[in-house]
Amino acid sequence: MEMYRIAYQYYMETCENYGMESINFHHFIKHLTEEQLQEYMRKAN
């Protein structure tokens, strides 16, 4: 579950940097693909 939180944190920071509104954690996880999760994790590290 920790990697989902890390991915969500990276997503939130990216949205903030671009002035975009983010979605809530539950919605983020429900619609996250394995490929997206891997990419978020790669960029967060």
C-alpha atoms as a PDB file:
ATOM      1  CA  MET A   1       0.000   0.000   0.000  1.00  0.00           C
ATOM      2  CA  GLU A   2       2.938   2.302   0.605  1.00  0.00           C
ATOM      3  CA  MET A   3       3.794   2.475  -3.097  1.00  0.00           C
ATOM      4  CA  TYR A   4       0.258   3.723  -3.832  1.00  0.00           C
ATOM      5  CA  ARG A   5       0.712   6.514  -1.311  1.00  0.00           C
ATOM      6  CA  ILE A   6       4.088   7.438  -2.812  1.00  0.00           C
ATOM      7  CA  ALA A   7       2.552   7.476  -6.300  1.00  0.00           C
ATOM      8  CA  TYR A   8      -0.360   9.604  -5.060  1.00  0.00           C
ATOM      9  CA  GLN A   9       2.009  12.058  -3.391  1.00  0.00           C
ATOM     10  CA  TYR A  10       3.951  12.418  -6.650  1.00  0.00           C
ATOM     11  CA  TYR A  11       0.656  12.889  -8.524  1.00  0.00           C
ATOM     12  CA  MET A  12      -0.459  15.578  -6.048  1.00  0.00           C
ATOM     13  CA  GLU A  13       2.847  17.448  -6.365  1.00  0.00           C
ATOM     14  CA  THR A  14       2.649  17.298 -10.157  1.00  0.00           C
ATOM     15  CA  CYS A  15      -0.915  18.625 -10.170  1.00  0.00           C
ATOM     16  CA  GLU A  16       0.124  21.460  -7.864  1.00  0.00           C
ATOM     17  CA  ASN A  17       3.113  22.334 -10.066  1.00  0.00           C
ATOM     18  CA  TYR A  18       0.850  22.642 -13.122  1.00  0.00           C
ATOM     19  CA  GLY A  19      -2.018  24.374 -11.311  1.00  0.00           C
ATOM     20  CA  MET A  20      -4.353  21.446 -11.865  1.00  0.00           C
ATOM     21  CA  GLU A  21      -7.043  20.170  -9.529  1.00  0.00           C
ATOM     22  CA  SER A  22      -6.272  16.691  -8.214  1.00  0.00           C
ATOM     23  CA  ILE A  23      -8.665  13.823  -7.527  1.00  0.00           C
ATOM     24  CA  ASN A  24      -9.011  12.118  -4.155  1.00  0.00           C
ATOM     25  CA  PHE A  25      -6.928   9.089  -3.176  1.00  0.00           C
ATOM     26  CA  HIS A  26      -9.748   6.557  -3.535  1.00  0.00           C
ATOM     27  CA  HIS A  27     -10.566   7.691  -7.080  1.00  0.00           C
ATOM     28  CA  PHE A  28      -6.846   7.786  -7.969  1.00  0.00           C
ATOM     29  CA  ILE A  29      -6.301   4.181  -6.837  1.00  0.00           C
ATOM     30  CA  LYS A  30      -9.520   2.896  -8.401  1.00  0.00           C
ATOM     31  CA  HIS A  31      -8.476   4.128 -11.862  1.00  0.00           C
ATOM     32  CA  LEU A  32      -4.706   3.610 -11.659  1.00  0.00           C
ATOM     33  CA  THR A  33      -3.218   1.088 -14.083  1.00  0.00           C
ATOM     34  CA  GLU A  34      -0.179  -1.023 -13.275  1.00  0.00           C
ATOM     35  CA  GLU A  35       1.775   0.875 -15.954  1.00  0.00           C
ATOM     36  CA  GLN A  36       0.857   4.234 -14.415  1.00  0.00           C
ATOM     37  CA  LEU A  37       1.856   3.030 -10.960  1.00  0.00           C
ATOM     38  CA  GLN A  38       5.244   1.876 -12.246  1.00  0.00           C
ATOM     39  CA  GLU A  39       5.841   5.205 -13.991  1.00  0.00           C
ATOM     40  CA  TYR A  40       4.910   7.216 -10.881  1.00  0.00           C
ATOM     41  CA  MET A  41       7.258   5.074  -8.810  1.00  0.00           C
ATOM     42  CA  ARG A  42      10.084   5.489 -11.342  1.00  0.00           C
ATOM     43  CA  LYS A  43       9.716   9.282 -11.362  1.00  0.00           C
ATOM     44  CA  ALA A  44       9.301   9.569  -7.588  1.00  0.00           C
ATOM     45  CA  ASN A  45      12.674   7.903  -6.975  1.00  0.00           C
END
